C-alpha atoms as a PDB file:
ATOM      1  CA  UNK A   1     180.929  43.452 -52.792  1.00  0.00           C
ATOM      2  CA  UNK A   2     181.960  41.161 -55.678  1.00  0.00           C
ATOM      3  CA  UNK A   3     179.805  38.338 -54.350  1.00  0.00           C
ATOM      4  CA  UNK A   4     176.655  40.456 -54.259  1.00  0.00           C
ATOM      5  CA  UNK A   5     177.344  41.686 -57.780  1.00  0.00           C
ATOM      6  CA  UNK A   6     177.794  38.093 -58.995  1.00  0.00           C
ATOM      7  CA  UNK A   7     174.526  37.039 -57.356  1.00  0.00           C
ATOM      8  CA  UNK A   8     172.664  39.986 -58.897  1.00  0.00           C
ATOM      9  CA  UNK A   9     174.206  39.334 -62.293  1.00  0.00           C
ATOM     10  CA  UNK A  10     173.331  35.627 -62.117  1.00  0.00           C
ATOM     11  CA  UNK A  11     169.743  36.509 -61.203  1.00  0.00           C
ATOM     12  CA  UNK A  12     169.589  38.981 -64.079  1.00  0.00           C
ATOM     13  CA  UNK A  13     171.117  36.555 -66.582  1.00  0.00           C
ATOM     14  CA  UNK A  14     168.632  33.865 -65.572  1.00  0.00           C
ATOM     15  CA  UNK A  15     165.663  36.125 -66.193  1.00  0.00           C
ATOM     16  CA  UNK A  16     163.674  35.411 -69.323  1.00  0.00           C
ATOM     17  CA  UNK A  17     163.792  39.037 -70.506  1.00  0.00           C
ATOM     18  CA  UNK A  18     167.607  39.040 -70.386  1.00  0.00           C
ATOM     19  CA  UNK A  19     167.819  35.733 -72.278  1.00  0.00           C
ATOM     20  CA  UNK A  20     165.339  36.988 -74.870  1.00  0.00           C
ATOM     21  CA  UNK A  21     167.144  40.289 -75.420  1.00  0.00           C
ATOM     22  CA  UNK A  22     170.520  38.518 -75.592  1.00  0.00           C
ATOM     23  CA  UNK A  23     169.147  36.010 -78.105  1.00  0.00           C
ATOM     24  CA  UNK A  24     167.701  38.836 -80.197  1.00  0.00           C
ATOM     25  CA  UNK A  25     171.047  40.633 -80.085  1.00  0.00           C
ATOM     26  CA  UNK A  26     172.893  37.482 -81.206  1.00  0.00           C
ATOM     27  CA  UNK A  27     170.366  36.937 -84.001  1.00  0.00           C
ATOM     28  CA  UNK A  28     170.750  40.521 -85.220  1.00  0.00           C
ATOM     29  CA  UNK A  29     174.527  40.284 -85.053  1.00  0.00           C
ATOM     30  CA  UNK A  30     174.501  36.991 -86.967  1.00  0.00           C
ATOM     31  CA  UNK A  31     172.264  38.568 -89.610  1.00  0.00           C
ATOM     32  CA  UNK A  32     174.603  41.555 -89.920  1.00  0.00           C
ATOM     33  CA  UNK A  33     177.626  39.269 -90.307  1.00  0.00           C
ATOM     34  CA  UNK A  34     175.818  37.247 -92.974  1.00  0.00           C
ATOM     35  CA  UNK A  35     174.886  40.386 -94.919  1.00  0.00           C
ATOM     36  CA  UNK A  36     178.456  41.704 -94.814  1.00  0.00           C
ATOM     37  CA  UNK A  37     179.859  38.297 -95.743  1.00  0.00           C
ATOM     38  CA  UNK A  38     177.510  38.088 -98.731  1.00  0.00           C
ATOM     39  CA  UNK A  39     178.455  41.584 -99.883  1.00  0.00           C
ATOM     40  CA  UNK A  40     182.149  40.724 -99.590  1.00  0.00           C
ATOM     41  CA  UNK A  41     181.629  37.480-101.487  1.00  0.00           C
ATOM     42  CA  UNK A  42     179.781  39.262-104.285  1.00  0.00           C
ATOM     43  CA  UNK A  43     182.424  41.999-104.459  1.00  0.00           C
ATOM     44  CA  UNK A  44     185.248  39.462-104.673  1.00  0.00           C
ATOM     45  CA  UNK A  45     183.707  37.217-107.343  1.00  0.00           C
ATOM     46  CA  UNK A  46     186.317  35.901-109.742  1.00  0.00           C
ATOM     47  CA  UNK A  47     184.499  36.423-113.033  1.00  0.00           C
ATOM     48  CA  UNK A  48     186.837  34.048-114.853  1.00  0.00           C
ATOM     49  CA  UNK A  49     185.433  31.182-112.783  1.00  0.00           C
ATOM     50  CA  UNK A  50     181.851  32.044-113.711  1.00  0.00           C
ATOM     51  CA  UNK A  51     180.232  30.555-116.794  1.00  0.00           C
ATOM     52  CA  UNK A  52     180.581  32.930-119.700  1.00  0.00           C
ATOM     53  CA  UNK A  53     176.812  33.105-120.128  1.00  0.00           C
ATOM     54  CA  UNK A  54     176.427  34.356-116.527  1.00  0.00           C
ATOM     55  CA  UNK A  55     179.291  36.842-116.427  1.00  0.00           C
ATOM     56  CA  UNK A  56     177.151  39.857-117.297  1.00  0.00           C
ATOM     57  CA  UNK A  57     174.802  39.252-114.347  1.00  0.00           C
ATOM     58  CA  UNK A  58     177.691  38.550-111.975  1.00  0.00           C
ATOM     59  CA  UNK A  59     179.516  41.668-113.145  1.00  0.00           C
ATOM     60  CA  UNK A  60     176.440  43.776-112.341  1.00  0.00           C
ATOM     61  CA  UNK A  61     176.189  42.077-108.932  1.00  0.00           C
ATOM     62  CA  UNK A  62     179.884  42.666-108.273  1.00  0.00           C
ATOM     63  CA  UNK A  63     179.646  46.362-109.175  1.00  0.00           C
ATOM     64  CA  UNK A  64     176.592  46.835-106.986  1.00  0.00           C
ATOM     65  CA  UNK A  65     178.278  45.142-104.005  1.00  0.00           C
ATOM     66  CA  UNK A  66     181.437  47.223-104.406  1.00  0.00           C
ATOM     67  CA  UNK A  67     179.423  50.433-104.636  1.00  0.00           C
ATOM     68  CA  UNK A  68     177.496  49.509-101.478  1.00  0.00           C
ATOM     69  CA  UNK A  69     180.691  48.704 -99.553  1.00  0.00           C
ATOM     70  CA  UNK A  70     182.364  51.944-100.670  1.00  0.00           C
ATOM     71  CA  UNK A  71     179.330  54.097 -99.968  1.00  0.00           C
ATOM     72  CA  UNK A  72     178.966  56.265 -96.914  1.00  0.00           C
ATOM     73  CA  UNK A  73     175.284  55.501 -96.682  1.00  0.00           C
ATOM     74  CA  UNK A  74     173.810  54.545 -93.338  1.00  0.00           C
ATOM     75  CA  UNK A  75     172.981  51.010 -94.499  1.00  0.00           C
ATOM     76  CA  UNK A  76     176.538  49.729 -94.762  1.00  0.00           C
ATOM     77  CA  UNK A  77     177.675  51.569 -91.650  1.00  0.00           C
ATOM     78  CA  UNK A  78     174.668  50.254 -89.728  1.00  0.00           C
ATOM     79  CA  UNK A  79     175.417  46.618 -90.589  1.00  0.00           C
ATOM     80  CA  UNK A  80     179.114  47.058 -89.721  1.00  0.00           C
ATOM     81  CA  UNK A  81     178.188  48.574 -86.386  1.00  0.00           C
ATOM     82  CA  UNK A  82     175.692  45.827 -85.629  1.00  0.00           C
ATOM     83  CA  UNK A  83     178.210  43.123 -86.575  1.00  0.00           C
ATOM     84  CA  UNK A  84     180.866  44.879 -84.466  1.00  0.00           C
ATOM     85  CA  UNK A  85     183.149  45.056 -87.512  1.00  0.00           C
ATOM     86  CA  UNK A  86     185.519  47.853 -88.449  1.00  0.00           C
ATOM     87  CA  UNK A  87     184.158  49.356 -91.661  1.00  0.00           C
ATOM     88  CA  UNK A  88     187.644  49.961 -93.032  1.00  0.00           C
ATOM     89  CA  UNK A  89     188.544  46.287 -92.577  1.00  0.00           C
ATOM     90  CA  UNK A  90     186.000  45.316 -95.201  1.00  0.00           C
END
């Protein structure tokens, strides 16, 4: 029973449609991780390390990132789900 399953799985995993869908899934997951990482980075900006002339723009960016992370909108939840990340961990 296990052998036949392994053979079927190997045949499935070697198919081009499986490889394509797996690659698309990995690409989407990588994109989701990058988006969440960027939001976290923007939310955690240390404004004292930013040039004084740029602080106003970075402060606006920081506030926007924090609002997005705290929101219950579908966007943030969607990217967490796609990245397979616990929303509360962020």
